[in-house]
PDB file of N, CA and C in Angstrom:
ATOM      1  N   UNK A   1      22.791-128.028  33.717  1.00  0.00           N
ATOM      2  CA  UNK A   1      23.541-128.897  34.634  1.00  0.00           C
ATOM      3  C   UNK A   1      22.492-129.952  35.261  1.00  0.00           C
ATOM      4  N   UNK A   2      23.216-131.329  35.092  1.00  0.00           N
ATOM      5  CA  UNK A   2      22.546-132.577  35.740  1.00  0.00           C
ATOM      6  C   UNK A   2      21.960-132.178  37.181  1.00  0.00           C
ATOM      7  N   UNK A   3      20.826-133.039  37.329  1.00  0.00           N
ATOM      8  CA  UNK A   3      20.521-132.827  38.970  1.00  0.00           C
ATOM      9  C   UNK A   3      21.414-133.409  39.833  1.00  0.00           C
ATOM     10  N   UNK A   4      22.033-134.575  39.683  1.00  0.00           N
ATOM     11  CA  UNK A   4      23.431-135.017  40.357  1.00  0.00           C
ATOM     12  C   UNK A   4      24.541-133.981  40.528  1.00  0.00           C
ATOM     13  N   UNK A   5      24.749-133.192  39.502  1.00  0.00           N
ATOM     14  CA  UNK A   5      25.710-132.159  39.550  1.00  0.00           C
ATOM     15  C   UNK A   5      25.353-131.001  40.539  1.00  0.00           C
ATOM     16  N   UNK A   6      24.220-130.487  40.595  1.00  0.00           N
ATOM     17  CA  UNK A   6      23.563-129.552  41.218  1.00  0.00           C
ATOM     18  C   UNK A   6      23.335-130.221  42.559  1.00  0.00           C
ATOM     19  N   UNK A   7      23.127-131.185  42.904  1.00  0.00           N
ATOM     20  CA  UNK A   7      23.167-131.613  44.267  1.00  0.00           C
ATOM     21  C   UNK A   7      24.489-131.508  44.767  1.00  0.00           C
ATOM     22  N   UNK A   8      25.670-132.043  43.974  1.00  0.00           N
ATOM     23  CA  UNK A   8      26.997-132.095  44.720  1.00  0.00           C
ATOM     24  C   UNK A   8      27.563-130.748  44.850  1.00  0.00           C
ATOM     25  N   UNK A   9      27.006-129.896  43.969  1.00  0.00           N
ATOM     26  CA  UNK A   9      27.525-128.430  44.219  1.00  0.00           C
ATOM     27  C   UNK A   9      27.035-127.941  45.432  1.00  0.00           C
ATOM     28  N   UNK A  10      25.686-127.992  45.429  1.00  0.00           N
ATOM     29  CA  UNK A  10      24.976-127.739  46.738  1.00  0.00           C
ATOM     30  C   UNK A  10      25.562-128.217  48.186  1.00  0.00           C
ATOM     31  N   UNK A  11      25.732-129.498  48.140  1.00  0.00           N
ATOM     32  CA  UNK A  11      26.375-130.076  49.318  1.00  0.00           C
ATOM     33  C   UNK A  11      27.681-129.300  49.488  1.00  0.00           C
ATOM     34  N   UNK A  12      28.508-129.303  48.517  1.00  0.00           N
ATOM     35  CA  UNK A  12      29.752-128.687  48.795  1.00  0.00           C
ATOM     36  C   UNK A  12      29.762-127.331  49.025  1.00  0.00           C
ATOM     37  N   UNK A  13      28.887-126.641  48.529  1.00  0.00           N
ATOM     38  CA  UNK A  13      28.529-125.079  49.359  1.00  0.00           C
ATOM     39  C   UNK A  13      28.378-124.981  50.662  1.00  0.00           C
ATOM     40  N   UNK A  14      27.217-125.871  51.167  1.00  0.00           N
ATOM     41  CA  UNK A  14      26.711-126.080  52.635  1.00  0.00           C
ATOM     42  C   UNK A  14      27.821-126.427  53.657  1.00  0.00           C
ATOM     43  N   UNK A  15      28.941-127.285  52.993  1.00  0.00           N
ATOM     44  CA  UNK A  15      30.395-127.576  53.877  1.00  0.00           C
ATOM     45  C   UNK A  15      31.126-126.304  54.092  1.00  0.00           C
ATOM     46  N   UNK A  16      31.075-125.468  53.050  1.00  0.00           N
ATOM     47  CA  UNK A  16      32.342-124.516  53.109  1.00  0.00           C
ATOM     48  C   UNK A  16      31.601-123.092  53.118  1.00  0.00           C
ATOM     49  N   UNK A  17      32.176-122.150  54.090  1.00  0.00           N
ATOM     50  CA  UNK A  17      31.420-121.031  54.177  1.00  0.00           C
ATOM     51  C   UNK A  17      32.631-119.857  53.358  1.00  0.00           C
ATOM     52  N   UNK A  18      33.470-120.191  53.043  1.00  0.00           N
ATOM     53  CA  UNK A  18      34.420-119.410  52.304  1.00  0.00           C
ATOM     54  C   UNK A  18      34.447-119.855  50.442  1.00  0.00           C
ATOM     55  N   UNK A  19      33.241-119.762  49.979  1.00  0.00           N
ATOM     56  CA  UNK A  19      33.027-119.848  48.471  1.00  0.00           C
ATOM     57  C   UNK A  19      33.610-118.687  47.566  1.00  0.00           C
ATOM     58  N   UNK A  20      33.951-119.233  46.722  1.00  0.00           N
ATOM     59  CA  UNK A  20      34.520-118.468  45.641  1.00  0.00           C
ATOM     60  C   UNK A  20      33.285-117.591  44.815  1.00  0.00           C
ATOM     61  N   UNK A  21      33.374-116.376  44.558  1.00  0.00           N
ATOM     62  CA  UNK A  21      32.509-115.686  44.160  1.00  0.00           C
ATOM     63  C   UNK A  21      31.948-116.295  42.813  1.00  0.00           C
ATOM     64  N   UNK A  22      32.660-117.002  41.736  1.00  0.00           N
ATOM     65  CA  UNK A  22      32.372-117.259  40.532  1.00  0.00           C
ATOM     66  C   UNK A  22      31.277-118.623  40.747  1.00  0.00           C
ATOM     67  N   UNK A  23      31.729-119.497  41.597  1.00  0.00           N
ATOM     68  CA  UNK A  23      30.888-120.440  42.055  1.00  0.00           C
ATOM     69  C   UNK A  23      29.709-120.668  42.646  1.00  0.00           C
ATOM     70  N   UNK A  24      29.724-119.264  43.876  1.00  0.00           N
ATOM     71  CA  UNK A  24      28.642-119.020  44.415  1.00  0.00           C
ATOM     72  C   UNK A  24      27.539-118.548  43.617  1.00  0.00           C
ATOM     73  N   UNK A  25      27.863-117.576  42.520  1.00  0.00           N
ATOM     74  CA  UNK A  25      26.863-116.964  41.494  1.00  0.00           C
ATOM     75  C   UNK A  25      26.428-118.260  40.875  1.00  0.00           C
ATOM     76  N   UNK A  26      27.419-119.061  40.296  1.00  0.00           N
ATOM     77  CA  UNK A  26      26.578-120.205  39.083  1.00  0.00           C
ATOM     78  C   UNK A  26      25.497-121.036  40.123  1.00  0.00           C
ATOM     79  N   UNK A  27      25.686-121.106  41.314  1.00  0.00           N
ATOM     80  CA  UNK A  27      24.460-121.618  42.106  1.00  0.00           C
ATOM     81  C   UNK A  27      23.313-120.907  42.285  1.00  0.00           C
ATOM     82  N   UNK A  28      23.481-119.226  42.085  1.00  0.00           N
ATOM     83  CA  UNK A  28      22.283-118.547  42.396  1.00  0.00           C
ATOM     84  C   UNK A  28      21.771-117.999  41.560  1.00  0.00           C
ATOM     85  N   UNK A  29      21.449-118.600  40.620  1.00  0.00           N
ATOM     86  CA  UNK A  29      20.690-118.452  39.268  1.00  0.00           C
ATOM     87  C   UNK A  29      19.377-117.537  39.522  1.00  0.00           C
ATOM     88  N   UNK A  30      18.474-118.074  40.661  1.00  0.00           N
ATOM     89  CA  UNK A  30      17.580-117.322  41.404  1.00  0.00           C
ATOM     90  C   UNK A  30      17.624-116.015  41.653  1.00  0.00           C
ATOM     91  N   UNK A  31      18.593-115.484  42.264  1.00  0.00           N
ATOM     92  CA  UNK A  31      19.104-114.313  42.259  1.00  0.00           C
ATOM     93  C   UNK A  31      18.799-113.259  40.918  1.00  0.00           C
ATOM     94  N   UNK A  32      19.279-113.810  39.978  1.00  0.00           N
ATOM     95  CA  UNK A  32      19.175-113.030  38.646  1.00  0.00           C
ATOM     96  C   UNK A  32      18.344-113.194  37.902  1.00  0.00           C
ATOM     97  N   UNK A  33      17.142-114.235  38.269  1.00  0.00           N
ATOM     98  CA  UNK A  33      15.920-114.111  37.717  1.00  0.00           C
ATOM     99  C   UNK A  33      14.765-113.330  38.734  1.00  0.00           C
ATOM    100  N   UNK A  34      14.385-113.876  39.882  1.00  0.00           N
ATOM    101  CA  UNK A  34      13.762-113.388  40.793  1.00  0.00           C
ATOM    102  C   UNK A  34      14.098-112.064  41.359  1.00  0.00           C
ATOM    103  N   UNK A  35      15.445-111.759  41.478  1.00  0.00           N
ATOM    104  CA  UNK A  35      16.107-110.489  42.304  1.00  0.00           C
ATOM    105  C   UNK A  35      16.030-109.306  41.726  1.00  0.00           C
ATOM    106  N   UNK A  36      15.525-109.372  40.539  1.00  0.00           N
ATOM    107  CA  UNK A  36      15.407-108.078  39.730  1.00  0.00           C
ATOM    108  C   UNK A  36      16.311-107.351  39.420  1.00  0.00           C
ATOM    109  N   UNK A  37      17.011-107.109  40.563  1.00  0.00           N
ATOM    110  CA  UNK A  37      18.654-105.876  40.419  1.00  0.00           C
ATOM    111  C   UNK A  37      19.334-106.540  41.460  1.00  0.00           C
ATOM    112  N   UNK A  38      20.615-106.752  40.648  1.00  0.00           N
ATOM    113  CA  UNK A  38      21.832-107.347  41.374  1.00  0.00           C
ATOM    114  C   UNK A  38      23.024-106.379  41.221  1.00  0.00           C
ATOM    115  N   UNK A  39      23.796-106.075  42.183  1.00  0.00           N
ATOM    116  CA  UNK A  39      25.052-105.163  42.296  1.00  0.00           C
ATOM    117  C   UNK A  39      25.512-104.482  43.736  1.00  0.00           C
ATOM    118  N   UNK A  40      26.373-103.628  43.596  1.00  0.00           N
ATOM    119  CA  UNK A  40      26.606-102.833  44.839  1.00  0.00           C
ATOM    120  C   UNK A  40      25.465-102.396  45.472  1.00  0.00           C
ATOM    121  N   UNK A  41      25.632-102.036  46.619  1.00  0.00           N
ATOM    122  CA  UNK A  41      24.537-101.532  47.475  1.00  0.00           C
ATOM    123  C   UNK A  41      24.186 -99.957  47.100  1.00  0.00           C
ATOM    124  N   UNK A  42      24.941 -99.197  46.550  1.00  0.00           N
ATOM    125  CA  UNK A  42      24.916 -98.220  45.949  1.00  0.00           C
ATOM    126  C   UNK A  42      24.028 -98.302  44.724  1.00  0.00           C
ATOM    127  N   UNK A  43      24.605 -98.947  43.885  1.00  0.00           N
ATOM    128  CA  UNK A  43      23.535 -99.530  42.502  1.00  0.00           C
ATOM    129  C   UNK A  43      22.243 -99.813  42.698  1.00  0.00           C
ATOM    130  N   UNK A  44      21.947-100.716  43.756  1.00  0.00           N
ATOM    131  CA  UNK A  44      20.817-101.140  43.786  1.00  0.00           C
ATOM    132  C   UNK A  44      19.776-100.082  44.725  1.00  0.00           C
ATOM    133  N   UNK A  45      20.170 -99.479  45.529  1.00  0.00           N
ATOM    134  CA  UNK A  45      19.718 -98.379  45.965  1.00  0.00           C
ATOM    135  C   UNK A  45      19.297 -97.158  44.963  1.00  0.00           C
ATOM    136  N   UNK A  46      20.382 -97.213  43.852  1.00  0.00           N
ATOM    137  CA  UNK A  46      20.007 -96.126  42.785  1.00  0.00           C
ATOM    138  C   UNK A  46      18.803 -96.389  41.668  1.00  0.00           C
ATOM    139  N   UNK A  47      18.821 -97.629  41.479  1.00  0.00           N
ATOM    140  CA  UNK A  47      17.530 -98.197  41.054  1.00  0.00           C
ATOM    141  C   UNK A  47      16.393 -98.278  41.748  1.00  0.00           C
ATOM    142  N   UNK A  48      16.476 -98.700  42.741  1.00  0.00           N
ATOM    143  CA  UNK A  48      15.295 -98.156  43.863  1.00  0.00           C
ATOM    144  C   UNK A  48      14.932 -97.337  44.036  1.00  0.00           C
ATOM    145  N   UNK A  49      15.645 -96.049  44.077  1.00  0.00           N
ATOM    146  CA  UNK A  49      15.352 -94.619  44.083  1.00  0.00           C
ATOM    147  C   UNK A  49      14.639 -94.148  42.691  1.00  0.00           C
ATOM    148  N   UNK A  50      15.221 -94.607  41.388  1.00  0.00           N
ATOM    149  CA  UNK A  50      14.322 -94.316  40.225  1.00  0.00           C
ATOM    150  C   UNK A  50      13.136 -94.940  39.924  1.00  0.00           C
ATOM    151  N   UNK A  51      12.851 -95.892  40.708  1.00  0.00           N
ATOM    152  CA  UNK A  51      11.456 -97.089  40.632  1.00  0.00           C
ATOM    153  C   UNK A  51      10.849 -97.113  41.607  1.00  0.00           C
ATOM    154  N   UNK A  52      11.108 -95.771  42.426  1.00  0.00           N
ATOM    155  CA  UNK A  52      10.204 -95.746  43.937  1.00  0.00           C
ATOM    156  C   UNK A  52       8.962 -96.267  43.941  1.00  0.00           C
ATOM    157  N   UNK A  53       8.236 -95.837  42.746  1.00  0.00           N
ATOM    158  CA  UNK A  53       6.755 -95.894  42.549  1.00  0.00           C
ATOM    159  C   UNK A  53       6.337 -97.356  42.630  1.00  0.00           C
ATOM    160  N   UNK A  54       7.479 -98.531  42.464  1.00  0.00           N
ATOM    161  CA  UNK A  54       7.181 -99.566  42.328  1.00  0.00           C
ATOM    162  C   UNK A  54       6.992-100.408  43.821  1.00  0.00           C
ATOM    163  N   UNK A  55       7.325 -99.871  44.813  1.00  0.00           N
ATOM    164  CA  UNK A  55       7.477 -99.984  46.011  1.00  0.00           C
ATOM    165  C   UNK A  55       6.908 -99.630  47.097  1.00  0.00           C
ATOM    166  N   UNK A  56       6.539-100.525  48.260  1.00  0.00           N
ATOM    167  CA  UNK A  56       5.708-100.073  49.212  1.00  0.00           C
ATOM    168  C   UNK A  56       6.002 -98.657  50.320  1.00  0.00           C
ATOM    169  N   UNK A  57       5.456 -97.732  50.457  1.00  0.00           N
ATOM    170  CA  UNK A  57       5.528 -96.426  51.081  1.00  0.00           C
ATOM    171  C   UNK A  57       6.400 -96.672  52.283  1.00  0.00           C
ATOM    172  N   UNK A  58       6.428 -98.002  53.233  1.00  0.00           N
ATOM    173  CA  UNK A  58       7.239 -98.064  54.318  1.00  0.00           C
ATOM    174  C   UNK A  58       8.551 -98.334  54.129  1.00  0.00           C
ATOM    175  N   UNK A  59       9.070 -98.820  52.605  1.00  0.00           N
ATOM    176  CA  UNK A  59      10.184 -99.333  52.414  1.00  0.00           C
ATOM    177  C   UNK A  59      11.165 -98.062  52.406  1.00  0.00           C
ATOM    178  N   UNK A  60      12.513 -98.078  53.142  1.00  0.00           N
ATOM    179  CA  UNK A  60      13.233 -97.062  53.174  1.00  0.00           C
ATOM    180  C   UNK A  60      14.482 -96.876  52.138  1.00  0.00           C
ATOM    181  N   UNK A  61      14.949 -98.305  51.818  1.00  0.00           N
ATOM    182  CA  UNK A  61      16.024 -98.524  50.613  1.00  0.00           C
ATOM    183  C   UNK A  61      15.679 -99.582  49.969  1.00  0.00           C
ATOM    184  N   UNK A  62      16.649 -99.857  48.990  1.00  0.00           N
ATOM    185  CA  UNK A  62      16.401-101.114  47.926  1.00  0.00           C
ATOM    186  C   UNK A  62      17.047-102.317  48.500  1.00  0.00           C
ATOM    187  N   UNK A  63      18.602-102.034  48.771  1.00  0.00           N
ATOM    188  CA  UNK A  63      19.609-103.037  48.967  1.00  0.00           C
ATOM    189  C   UNK A  63      18.958-104.040  49.844  1.00  0.00           C
ATOM    190  N   UNK A  64      19.021-105.534  49.641  1.00  0.00           N
ATOM    191  CA  UNK A  64      18.826-106.618  50.705  1.00  0.00           C
ATOM    192  C   UNK A  64      19.966-107.490  50.466  1.00  0.00           C
ATOM    193  N   UNK A  65      20.561-108.104  51.665  1.00  0.00           N
ATOM    194  CA  UNK A  65      21.747-109.198  51.726  1.00  0.00           C
ATOM    195  C   UNK A  65      21.124-110.209  50.899  1.00  0.00           C
ATOM    196  N   UNK A  66      22.020-110.868  50.084  1.00  0.00           N
ATOM    197  CA  UNK A  66      21.716-112.088  49.594  1.00  0.00           C
ATOM    198  C   UNK A  66      21.907-113.141  50.665  1.00  0.00           C
ATOM    199  N   UNK A  67      21.014-114.079  50.529  1.00  0.00           N
ATOM    200  CA  UNK A  67      20.826-115.073  51.630  1.00  0.00           C
ATOM    201  C   UNK A  67      21.434-116.542  51.419  1.00  0.00           C
ATOM    202  N   UNK A  68      21.408-117.201  52.103  1.00  0.00           N
ATOM    203  CA  UNK A  68      21.844-118.623  51.417  1.00  0.00           C
ATOM    204  C   UNK A  68      23.428-118.535  51.702  1.00  0.00           C
ATOM    205  N   UNK A  69      24.393-119.480  50.919  1.00  0.00           N
ATOM    206  CA  UNK A  69      25.543-119.735  50.695  1.00  0.00           C
ATOM    207  C   UNK A  69      26.171-118.440  49.852  1.00  0.00           C
ATOM    208  N   UNK A  70      26.209-117.448  50.234  1.00  0.00           N
ATOM    209  CA  UNK A  70      26.538-116.335  49.557  1.00  0.00           C
ATOM    210  C   UNK A  70      27.805-115.394  50.392  1.00  0.00           C
ATOM    211  N   UNK A  71      28.291-116.273  50.914  1.00  0.00           N
ATOM    212  CA  UNK A  71      29.464-115.636  51.691  1.00  0.00           C
ATOM    213  C   UNK A  71      30.365-115.229  50.944  1.00  0.00           C
ATOM    214  N   UNK A  72      30.756-115.248  49.890  1.00  0.00           N
ATOM    215  CA  UNK A  72      31.981-114.853  48.721  1.00  0.00           C
ATOM    216  C   UNK A  72      31.292-113.491  48.520  1.00  0.00           C
ATOM    217  N   UNK A  73      29.898-112.982  48.497  1.00  0.00           N
ATOM    218  CA  UNK A  73      29.383-111.867  47.993  1.00  0.00           C
ATOM    219  C   UNK A  73      28.896-111.013  49.304  1.00  0.00           C
ATOM    220  N   UNK A  74      29.124-111.360  50.430  1.00  0.00           N
ATOM    221  CA  UNK A  74      28.960-110.558  51.637  1.00  0.00           C
ATOM    222  C   UNK A  74      29.474-109.069  51.498  1.00  0.00           C
ATOM    223  N   UNK A  75      28.734-108.460  51.511  1.00  0.00           N
ATOM    224  CA  UNK A  75      29.052-107.074  51.861  1.00  0.00           C
ATOM    225  C   UNK A  75      29.308-106.325  50.498  1.00  0.00           C
ATOM    226  N   UNK A  76      29.348-107.100  49.308  1.00  0.00           N
ATOM    227  CA  UNK A  76      29.789-106.595  47.874  1.00  0.00           C
ATOM    228  C   UNK A  76      28.665-106.866  46.993  1.00  0.00           C
ATOM    229  N   UNK A  77      27.670-107.926  47.234  1.00  0.00           N
ATOM    230  CA  UNK A  77      26.413-108.100  46.168  1.00  0.00           C
ATOM    231  C   UNK A  77      25.242-107.766  46.845  1.00  0.00           C
ATOM    232  N   UNK A  78      24.200-107.159  46.339  1.00  0.00           N
ATOM    233  CA  UNK A  78      22.836-106.899  47.008  1.00  0.00           C
ATOM    234  C   UNK A  78      21.994-107.104  45.984  1.00  0.00           C
ATOM    235  N   UNK A  79      20.767-107.344  46.336  1.00  0.00           N
ATOM    236  CA  UNK A  79      19.774-107.294  45.304  1.00  0.00           C
ATOM    237  C   UNK A  79      18.437-106.495  46.148  1.00  0.00           C
ATOM    238  N   UNK A  80      17.781-106.330  45.056  1.00  0.00           N
ATOM    239  CA  UNK A  80      16.399-105.559  45.344  1.00  0.00           C
ATOM    240  C   UNK A  80      15.319-106.079  46.084  1.00  0.00           C
ATOM    241  N   UNK A  81      15.333-107.395  45.841  1.00  0.00           N
ATOM    242  CA  UNK A  81      14.384-108.550  46.485  1.00  0.00           C
ATOM    243  C   UNK A  81      15.070-109.026  47.522  1.00  0.00           C
ATOM    244  N   UNK A  82      14.130-109.269  48.564  1.00  0.00           N
ATOM    245  CA  UNK A  82      14.879-110.312  49.859  1.00  0.00           C
ATOM    246  C   UNK A  82      13.975-111.377  49.541  1.00  0.00           C
ATOM    247  N   UNK A  83      14.909-112.519  48.853  1.00  0.00           N
ATOM    248  CA  UNK A  83      14.334-113.866  48.644  1.00  0.00           C
ATOM    249  C   UNK A  83      14.523-114.583  49.577  1.00  0.00           C
ATOM    250  N   UNK A  84      13.550-115.102  50.444  1.00  0.00           N
ATOM    251  CA  UNK A  84      13.751-115.591  51.979  1.00  0.00           C
ATOM    252  C   UNK A  84      13.695-117.288  51.738  1.00  0.00           C
ATOM    253  N   UNK A  85      12.844-117.812  50.528  1.00  0.00           N
ATOM    254  CA  UNK A  85      12.700-119.290  50.605  1.00  0.00           C
ATOM    255  C   UNK A  85      13.201-120.002  49.178  1.00  0.00           C
ATOM    256  N   UNK A  86      13.840-120.966  49.306  1.00  0.00           N
ATOM    257  CA  UNK A  86      14.333-121.283  47.841  1.00  0.00           C
ATOM    258  C   UNK A  86      13.012-122.375  47.621  1.00  0.00           C
ATOM    259  N   UNK A  87      12.585-121.996  46.195  1.00  0.00           N
ATOM    260  CA  UNK A  87      11.529-122.992  45.875  1.00  0.00           C
ATOM    261  C   UNK A  87      11.978-123.807  44.665  1.00  0.00           C
ATOM    262  N   UNK A  88      11.456-125.171  44.797  1.00  0.00           N
ATOM    263  CA  UNK A  88      12.299-126.226  43.888  1.00  0.00           C
ATOM    264  C   UNK A  88      11.627-127.445  44.157  1.00  0.00           C
TER     265      UNK A  88
END
């Protein structure tokens, strides 16, 4: 996507709280690359359990809410990593 198109999409997402799932995911590429695991809460926790040795001892579960303009995914999609800051 061109930089102008990305900026227009992000501006639209910021104005709208009720974003369609497809549009939201198209702008959430970082979750697919840095998030490691994305899916339902049960799926993410299952992967976390199978790979328990890769996480700190204090961590109790694997599922983390997606942040930012992810209202369409709220309660349906989770990530194993808690991505806090956009890089770019």
